[in-house]
Amino acid sequence: MTRVLGVDACKAGWVGVLLDNGQVSAYVASTMELLIQHSGPAEVIGIDIPIGLPDTAARQADLLARSAIGRLSSSVFTTPVRAALLAPSHADAVVINRELTGQGISIQAYGLRGKLFEVDEWCRRSDSLVVEIHPEVSFAQLAGAPLTVRKSTWAGAERRRALLAGVGITLTGELGLANQAVGVDDVLDAGAVAWSALRVAQGLAVSLPDPPEVFADGWPAAIWV
């Protein structure tokens, strides 16, 4: 029996799509801890957020993911180094990241540091296997080629919904998400992450890079698909 969870960040905190032997359900919580309490244990938990923060250079996982999705490569941001994310301000983070990598850091990336460190701390306590998954890489794998239409459009959302339905992940109806601050794209992304998490559980997934990089934090840094 295989039970996996795909997780994506959303305005409410986190949204998870649970695959439980053919059954699909969704959960929302303000923290990862609460999300797992609501959804229950899973063999593999996939999360659309960087796991394994670099020390002095760009992660190979980010570079390879961009290559895998082509036109929509801007959806993969370059993960800042840990020291930059620990900086007290965005301006300080830019200076630190540029000194160590030669690149600055966007205010959006710096703004994610709360969720990055939440996952960084939580996944070390998890009893499940926790892996990083990027939904656009998963959708490209599902489609057999990189997608060219963004999920923020009607056609893009419907294309992704159809790809997921084709592998038994039917995201229709309320899914238990009534009155929750969760966007259509958040749920689609969590569904794609759940699909790749299932591949990990079944031993079918591959990692970008292979083998994963390991930084000073000791976490294997790779995007799985």
C-alpha atoms as a PDB file:
ATOM      1  CA  MET A   1       0.000   0.000   0.000  1.00  0.00           C
ATOM      2  CA  THR A   2       1.481   3.339  -1.092  1.00  0.00           C
ATOM      3  CA  ARG A   3       0.565   6.645   0.493  1.00  0.00           C
ATOM      4  CA  VAL A   4       2.319   9.811  -0.720  1.00  0.00           C
ATOM      5  CA  LEU A   5       1.802  13.535  -0.289  1.00  0.00           C
ATOM      6  CA  GLY A   6       2.609  16.373  -2.687  1.00  0.00           C
ATOM      7  CA  VAL A   7       2.972  19.805  -1.072  1.00  0.00           C
ATOM      8  CA  ASP A   8       3.018  23.350  -2.449  1.00  0.00           C
ATOM      9  CA  ALA A   9       3.129  26.726  -0.724  1.00  0.00           C
ATOM     10  CA  CYS A  10      -0.026  28.874  -0.863  1.00  0.00           C
ATOM     11  CA  LYS A  11      -1.425  32.017   0.728  1.00  0.00           C
ATOM     12  CA  ALA A  12      -2.885  29.976   3.579  1.00  0.00           C
ATOM     13  CA  GLY A  13       0.465  28.321   4.237  1.00  0.00           C
ATOM     14  CA  TRP A  14       0.706  24.912   2.600  1.00  0.00           C
ATOM     15  CA  VAL A  15      -1.582  22.767   0.457  1.00  0.00           C
ATOM     16  CA  GLY A  16      -1.121  19.032   0.111  1.00  0.00           C
ATOM     17  CA  VAL A  17      -2.559  16.519  -2.357  1.00  0.00           C
ATOM     18  CA  LEU A  18      -2.630  13.043  -0.872  1.00  0.00           C
ATOM     19  CA  LEU A  19      -2.561   9.917  -3.028  1.00  0.00           C
ATOM     20  CA  ASP A  20      -3.721   6.906  -1.057  1.00  0.00           C
ATOM     21  CA  ASN A  21      -4.047   3.782  -3.204  1.00  0.00           C
ATOM     22  CA  GLY A  22      -6.002   5.496  -5.944  1.00  0.00           C
ATOM     23  CA  GLN A  23      -7.886   7.921  -3.703  1.00  0.00           C
ATOM     24  CA  VAL A  24      -7.156  11.651  -4.070  1.00  0.00           C
ATOM     25  CA  SER A  25      -7.748  14.198  -1.324  1.00  0.00           C
ATOM     26  CA  ALA A  26      -6.409  17.620  -0.379  1.00  0.00           C
ATOM     27  CA  TYR A  27      -5.485  19.378   2.844  1.00  0.00           C
ATOM     28  CA  VAL A  28      -4.500  22.915   3.848  1.00  0.00           C
ATOM     29  CA  ALA A  29      -2.657  24.110   6.935  1.00  0.00           C
ATOM     30  CA  SER A  30      -0.654  27.102   8.100  1.00  0.00           C
ATOM     31  CA  THR A  31       2.470  25.038   8.860  1.00  0.00           C
ATOM     32  CA  MET A  32       4.042  21.833   7.568  1.00  0.00           C
ATOM     33  CA  GLU A  33       3.638  20.304  11.044  1.00  0.00           C
ATOM     34  CA  LEU A  34      -0.126  20.877  10.970  1.00  0.00           C
ATOM     35  CA  LEU A  35      -0.447  19.746   7.361  1.00  0.00           C
ATOM     36  CA  ILE A  36       1.066  16.366   8.194  1.00  0.00           C
ATOM     37  CA  GLN A  37      -1.141  16.090  11.275  1.00  0.00           C
ATOM     38  CA  HIS A  38      -4.222  16.651   9.080  1.00  0.00           C
ATOM     39  CA  SER A  39      -3.207  14.434   6.166  1.00  0.00           C
ATOM     40  CA  GLY A  40      -1.686  11.606   8.172  1.00  0.00           C
ATOM     41  CA  PRO A  41       1.561   9.701   7.604  1.00  0.00           C
ATOM     42  CA  ALA A  42       2.949   9.174   4.120  1.00  0.00           C
ATOM     43  CA  GLU A  43       5.713   6.993   2.758  1.00  0.00           C
ATOM     44  CA  VAL A  44       7.111   9.855   0.666  1.00  0.00           C
ATOM     45  CA  ILE A  45       6.446  13.592   0.984  1.00  0.00           C
ATOM     46  CA  GLY A  46       7.374  15.774  -2.000  1.00  0.00           C
ATOM     47  CA  ILE A  47       7.654  19.533  -1.539  1.00  0.00           C
ATOM     48  CA  ASP A  48       7.942  22.302  -4.116  1.00  0.00           C
ATOM     49  CA  ILE A  49      10.597  24.265  -2.279  1.00  0.00           C
ATOM     50  CA  PRO A  50      14.398  24.042  -2.267  1.00  0.00           C
ATOM     51  CA  ILE A  51      15.769  21.455   0.148  1.00  0.00           C
ATOM     52  CA  GLY A  52      19.518  21.664   0.610  1.00  0.00           C
ATOM     53  CA  LEU A  53      20.757  25.257   0.659  1.00  0.00           C
ATOM     54  CA  PRO A  54      24.004  26.007  -1.194  1.00  0.00           C
ATOM     55  CA  ASP A  55      27.152  27.469   0.339  1.00  0.00           C
ATOM     56  CA  THR A  56      29.024  29.335  -2.407  1.00  0.00           C
ATOM     57  CA  ALA A  57      27.473  28.646  -5.827  1.00  0.00           C
ATOM     58  CA  ALA A  58      24.262  27.938  -7.713  1.00  0.00           C
ATOM     59  CA  ARG A  59      22.704  24.512  -7.198  1.00  0.00           C
ATOM     60  CA  GLN A  60      22.957  22.066 -10.079  1.00  0.00           C
ATOM     61  CA  ALA A  61      19.348  21.086  -9.322  1.00  0.00           C
ATOM     62  CA  ASP A  62      18.120  24.558 -10.297  1.00  0.00           C
ATOM     63  CA  LEU A  63      20.214  24.712 -13.471  1.00  0.00           C
ATOM     64  CA  LEU A  64      19.116  21.249 -14.637  1.00  0.00           C
ATOM     65  CA  ALA A  65      15.457  21.953 -13.844  1.00  0.00           C
ATOM     66  CA  ARG A  66      15.551  25.091 -15.992  1.00  0.00           C
ATOM     67  CA  SER A  67      16.995  23.097 -18.857  1.00  0.00           C
ATOM     68  CA  ALA A  68      14.291  20.439 -18.467  1.00  0.00           C
ATOM     69  CA  ILE A  69      11.369  22.870 -18.764  1.00  0.00           C
ATOM     70  CA  GLY A  70      12.664  25.196 -21.473  1.00  0.00           C
ATOM     71  CA  ARG A  71      10.385  28.148 -22.164  1.00  0.00           C
ATOM     72  CA  LEU A  72       8.945  28.215 -18.637  1.00  0.00           C
ATOM     73  CA  SER A  73      12.385  28.129 -17.016  1.00  0.00           C
ATOM     74  CA  SER A  74      11.707  31.384 -15.163  1.00  0.00           C
ATOM     75  CA  SER A  75       9.501  29.382 -12.781  1.00  0.00           C
ATOM     76  CA  VAL A  76      12.707  27.940 -11.279  1.00  0.00           C
ATOM     77  CA  PHE A  77      14.453  30.555  -9.162  1.00  0.00           C
ATOM     78  CA  THR A  78      18.112  30.287  -8.227  1.00  0.00           C
ATOM     79  CA  THR A  79      18.294  29.203  -4.601  1.00  0.00           C
ATOM     80  CA  PRO A  80      20.258  31.774  -2.564  1.00  0.00           C
ATOM     81  CA  VAL A  81      23.132  30.642  -0.378  1.00  0.00           C
ATOM     82  CA  ARG A  82      22.263  29.945   3.238  1.00  0.00           C
ATOM     83  CA  ALA A  83      24.279  32.907   4.531  1.00  0.00           C
ATOM     84  CA  ALA A  84      22.265  35.302   2.347  1.00  0.00           C
ATOM     85  CA  LEU A  85      18.950  33.906   3.557  1.00  0.00           C
ATOM     86  CA  LEU A  86      20.090  34.422   7.142  1.00  0.00           C
ATOM     87  CA  ALA A  87      20.801  38.111   6.459  1.00  0.00           C
ATOM     88  CA  PRO A  88      18.597  40.595   8.363  1.00  0.00           C
ATOM     89  CA  SER A  89      17.539  42.514   5.239  1.00  0.00           C
ATOM     90  CA  HIS A  90      17.174  42.039   1.509  1.00  0.00           C
ATOM     91  CA  ALA A  91      19.930  44.585   0.870  1.00  0.00           C
ATOM     92  CA  ASP A  92      22.338  42.640   3.087  1.00  0.00           C
ATOM     93  CA  ALA A  93      21.305  39.397   1.408  1.00  0.00           C
ATOM     94  CA  VAL A  94      22.119  40.828  -2.030  1.00  0.00           C
ATOM     95  CA  VAL A  95      25.623  41.800  -0.907  1.00  0.00           C
ATOM     96  CA  ILE A  96      26.332  38.401   0.666  1.00  0.00           C
ATOM     97  CA  ASN A  97      24.941  36.381  -2.217  1.00  0.00           C
ATOM     98  CA  ARG A  98      26.851  38.462  -4.765  1.00  0.00           C
ATOM     99  CA  GLU A  99      30.109  38.069  -2.830  1.00  0.00           C
ATOM    100  CA  LEU A 100      29.732  34.286  -2.689  1.00  0.00           C
ATOM    101  CA  THR A 101      28.133  33.494  -6.050  1.00  0.00           C
ATOM    102  CA  GLY A 102      28.548  36.537  -8.265  1.00  0.00           C
ATOM    103  CA  GLN A 103      24.763  36.978  -8.424  1.00  0.00           C
ATOM    104  CA  GLY A 104      22.265  39.025  -6.463  1.00  0.00           C
ATOM    105  CA  ILE A 105      19.036  37.741  -4.938  1.00  0.00           C
ATOM    106  CA  SER A 106      15.507  38.798  -5.856  1.00  0.00           C
ATOM    107  CA  ILE A 107      13.226  40.198  -3.193  1.00  0.00           C
ATOM    108  CA  GLN A 108      10.818  37.340  -3.980  1.00  0.00           C
ATOM    109  CA  ALA A 109      13.474  34.727  -3.250  1.00  0.00           C
ATOM    110  CA  TYR A 110      14.475  36.500  -0.047  1.00  0.00           C
ATOM    111  CA  GLY A 111      10.807  36.659   0.938  1.00  0.00           C
ATOM    112  CA  LEU A 112      10.597  32.863   0.827  1.00  0.00           C
ATOM    113  CA  ARG A 113      13.207  32.425   3.536  1.00  0.00           C
ATOM    114  CA  GLY A 114      10.568  31.788   6.211  1.00  0.00           C
ATOM    115  CA  LYS A 115       9.176  28.790   4.328  1.00  0.00           C
ATOM    116  CA  LEU A 116      12.657  27.637   3.287  1.00  0.00           C
ATOM    117  CA  PHE A 117      13.834  27.499   6.879  1.00  0.00           C
ATOM    118  CA  GLU A 118      10.549  25.992   8.062  1.00  0.00           C
ATOM    119  CA  VAL A 119      11.042  23.056   5.694  1.00  0.00           C
ATOM    120  CA  ASP A 120      14.788  22.950   6.400  1.00  0.00           C
ATOM    121  CA  GLU A 121      14.034  22.383  10.087  1.00  0.00           C
ATOM    122  CA  TRP A 122      10.912  20.248   9.756  1.00  0.00           C
ATOM    123  CA  CYS A 123      12.153  17.701   7.227  1.00  0.00           C
ATOM    124  CA  ARG A 124      14.946  16.619   9.550  1.00  0.00           C
ATOM    125  CA  ARG A 125      12.336  15.509  12.083  1.00  0.00           C
ATOM    126  CA  SER A 126      10.036  13.787   9.610  1.00  0.00           C
ATOM    127  CA  ASP A 127       9.571  10.033   9.749  1.00  0.00           C
ATOM    128  CA  SER A 128       8.820  10.060   6.004  1.00  0.00           C
ATOM    129  CA  LEU A 129      11.238  10.309   3.107  1.00  0.00           C
ATOM    130  CA  VAL A 130      11.132  14.008   2.137  1.00  0.00           C
ATOM    131  CA  VAL A 131      12.202  15.043  -1.366  1.00  0.00           C
ATOM    132  CA  GLU A 132      12.234  18.246  -3.399  1.00  0.00           C
ATOM    133  CA  ILE A 133      10.072  18.244  -6.536  1.00  0.00           C
ATOM    134  CA  HIS A 134       9.426  21.033  -9.021  1.00  0.00           C
ATOM    135  CA  PRO A 135       5.927  20.756 -10.575  1.00  0.00           C
ATOM    136  CA  GLU A 136       6.893  22.119 -14.007  1.00  0.00           C
ATOM    137  CA  VAL A 137       9.596  19.453 -14.290  1.00  0.00           C
ATOM    138  CA  SER A 138       6.957  16.872 -13.355  1.00  0.00           C
ATOM    139  CA  PHE A 139       4.484  18.219 -15.914  1.00  0.00           C
ATOM    140  CA  ALA A 140       7.177  18.123 -18.610  1.00  0.00           C
ATOM    141  CA  GLN A 141       7.825  14.479 -17.727  1.00  0.00           C
ATOM    142  CA  LEU A 142       4.103  13.722 -17.823  1.00  0.00           C
ATOM    143  CA  ALA A 143       3.687  15.398 -21.213  1.00  0.00           C
ATOM    144  CA  GLY A 144       6.834  13.953 -22.735  1.00  0.00           C
ATOM    145  CA  ALA A 145       8.039  17.471 -23.539  1.00  0.00           C
ATOM    146  CA  PRO A 146       8.249  20.864 -21.797  1.00  0.00           C
ATOM    147  CA  LEU A 147       4.936  22.712 -21.601  1.00  0.00           C
ATOM    148  CA  THR A 148       4.740  26.083 -23.330  1.00  0.00           C
ATOM    149  CA  VAL A 149       1.575  27.571 -21.806  1.00  0.00           C
ATOM    150  CA  ARG A 150       1.612  28.922 -18.263  1.00  0.00           C
ATOM    151  CA  LYS A 151      -0.728  27.439 -15.670  1.00  0.00           C
ATOM    152  CA  SER A 152      -2.085  30.921 -14.910  1.00  0.00           C
ATOM    153  CA  THR A 153      -3.998  30.745 -18.216  1.00  0.00           C
ATOM    154  CA  TRP A 154      -7.169  28.738 -18.797  1.00  0.00           C
ATOM    155  CA  ALA A 155      -5.509  26.579 -21.465  1.00  0.00           C
ATOM    156  CA  GLY A 156      -2.460  26.003 -19.260  1.00  0.00           C
ATOM    157  CA  ALA A 157      -4.515  25.002 -16.239  1.00  0.00           C
ATOM    158  CA  GLU A 158      -6.709  22.662 -18.277  1.00  0.00           C
ATOM    159  CA  ARG A 159      -3.685  21.062 -19.937  1.00  0.00           C
ATOM    160  CA  ARG A 160      -2.146  20.307 -16.553  1.00  0.00           C
ATOM    161  CA  ARG A 161      -5.427  19.064 -15.110  1.00  0.00           C
ATOM    162  CA  ALA A 162      -5.782  16.680 -18.070  1.00  0.00           C
ATOM    163  CA  LEU A 163      -2.214  15.408 -17.688  1.00  0.00           C
ATOM    164  CA  LEU A 164      -2.853  14.593 -14.045  1.00  0.00           C
ATOM    165  CA  ALA A 165      -6.211  12.974 -14.793  1.00  0.00           C
ATOM    166  CA  GLY A 166      -4.463  10.782 -17.351  1.00  0.00           C
ATOM    167  CA  VAL A 167      -2.438   9.180 -14.548  1.00  0.00           C
ATOM    168  CA  GLY A 168      -5.379   8.849 -12.172  1.00  0.00           C
ATOM    169  CA  ILE A 169      -4.993  12.107 -10.253  1.00  0.00           C
ATOM    170  CA  THR A 170      -8.385  13.704 -10.812  1.00  0.00           C
ATOM    171  CA  LEU A 171      -8.547  17.181  -9.306  1.00  0.00           C
ATOM    172  CA  THR A 172     -12.202  18.109  -9.585  1.00  0.00           C
ATOM    173  CA  GLY A 173     -14.888  19.157  -7.151  1.00  0.00           C
ATOM    174  CA  GLU A 174     -14.302  20.817  -3.811  1.00  0.00           C
ATOM    175  CA  LEU A 175     -11.552  18.408  -2.640  1.00  0.00           C
ATOM    176  CA  GLY A 176     -12.121  19.697   0.881  1.00  0.00           C
ATOM    177  CA  LEU A 177     -10.734  23.123   0.004  1.00  0.00           C
ATOM    178  CA  ALA A 178     -13.868  25.268   0.415  1.00  0.00           C
ATOM    179  CA  ASN A 179     -13.186  28.694   1.955  1.00  0.00           C
ATOM    180  CA  GLN A 180      -9.418  28.115   1.814  1.00  0.00           C
ATOM    181  CA  ALA A 181      -6.918  30.611   0.367  1.00  0.00           C
ATOM    182  CA  VAL A 182      -5.657  28.169  -2.240  1.00  0.00           C
ATOM    183  CA  GLY A 183      -5.312  28.970  -5.932  1.00  0.00           C
ATOM    184  CA  VAL A 184      -5.993  26.630  -8.839  1.00  0.00           C
ATOM    185  CA  ASP A 185      -2.286  26.666  -9.682  1.00  0.00           C
ATOM    186  CA  ASP A 186      -1.403  25.695  -6.099  1.00  0.00           C
ATOM    187  CA  VAL A 187      -3.575  22.579  -6.263  1.00  0.00           C
ATOM    188  CA  LEU A 188      -2.327  21.608  -9.722  1.00  0.00           C
ATOM    189  CA  ASP A 189       1.262  21.995  -8.549  1.00  0.00           C
ATOM    190  CA  ALA A 190       0.636  19.903  -5.433  1.00  0.00           C
ATOM    191  CA  GLY A 191      -0.937  17.228  -7.641  1.00  0.00           C
ATOM    192  CA  ALA A 192       2.105  17.135  -9.911  1.00  0.00           C
ATOM    193  CA  VAL A 193       4.402  16.942  -6.903  1.00  0.00           C
ATOM    194  CA  ALA A 194       2.330  14.032  -5.553  1.00  0.00           C
ATOM    195  CA  TRP A 195       2.746  12.199  -8.888  1.00  0.00           C
ATOM    196  CA  SER A 196       6.528  12.488  -8.719  1.00  0.00           C
ATOM    197  CA  ALA A 197       6.475  11.520  -5.024  1.00  0.00           C
ATOM    198  CA  LEU A 198       4.658   8.349  -6.048  1.00  0.00           C
ATOM    199  CA  ARG A 199       7.388   7.682  -8.619  1.00  0.00           C
ATOM    200  CA  VAL A 200       9.955   8.055  -5.852  1.00  0.00           C
ATOM    201  CA  ALA A 201       8.052   5.566  -3.696  1.00  0.00           C
ATOM    202  CA  GLN A 202       7.879   3.117  -6.617  1.00  0.00           C
ATOM    203  CA  GLY A 203      11.571   3.447  -7.431  1.00  0.00           C
ATOM    204  CA  LEU A 204      10.848   5.002 -10.846  1.00  0.00           C
ATOM    205  CA  ALA A 205      12.039   8.572 -10.223  1.00  0.00           C
ATOM    206  CA  VAL A 206      15.351  10.104 -11.223  1.00  0.00           C
ATOM    207  CA  SER A 207      17.180  12.959  -9.553  1.00  0.00           C
ATOM    208  CA  LEU A 208      18.529  16.183 -11.028  1.00  0.00           C
ATOM    209  CA  PRO A 209      21.488  15.984 -10.542  1.00  0.00           C
ATOM    210  CA  ASP A 210      22.349  12.302 -10.189  1.00  0.00           C
ATOM    211  CA  PRO A 211      23.766  11.829  -7.634  1.00  0.00           C
ATOM    212  CA  PRO A 212      22.438  14.753  -5.572  1.00  0.00           C
ATOM    213  CA  GLU A 213      24.802  17.482  -4.382  1.00  0.00           C
ATOM    214  CA  VAL A 214      25.544  17.692  -0.679  1.00  0.00           C
ATOM    215  CA  PHE A 215      26.315  21.052   0.910  1.00  0.00           C
ATOM    216  CA  ALA A 216      27.418  21.963   4.420  1.00  0.00           C
ATOM    217  CA  ASP A 217      23.898  21.361   5.743  1.00  0.00           C
ATOM    218  CA  GLY A 218      24.272  17.662   4.872  1.00  0.00           C
ATOM    219  CA  TRP A 219      20.996  17.419   2.947  1.00  0.00           C
ATOM    220  CA  PRO A 220      21.058  15.715  -0.508  1.00  0.00           C
ATOM    221  CA  ALA A 221      20.090  18.567  -2.856  1.00  0.00           C
ATOM    222  CA  ALA A 222      18.246  17.371  -5.956  1.00  0.00           C
ATOM    223  CA  ILE A 223      14.933  17.792  -7.755  1.00  0.00           C
ATOM    224  CA  TRP A 224      13.174  14.461  -8.261  1.00  0.00           C
ATOM    225  CA  VAL A 225      10.884  13.608 -11.165  1.00  0.00           C
END
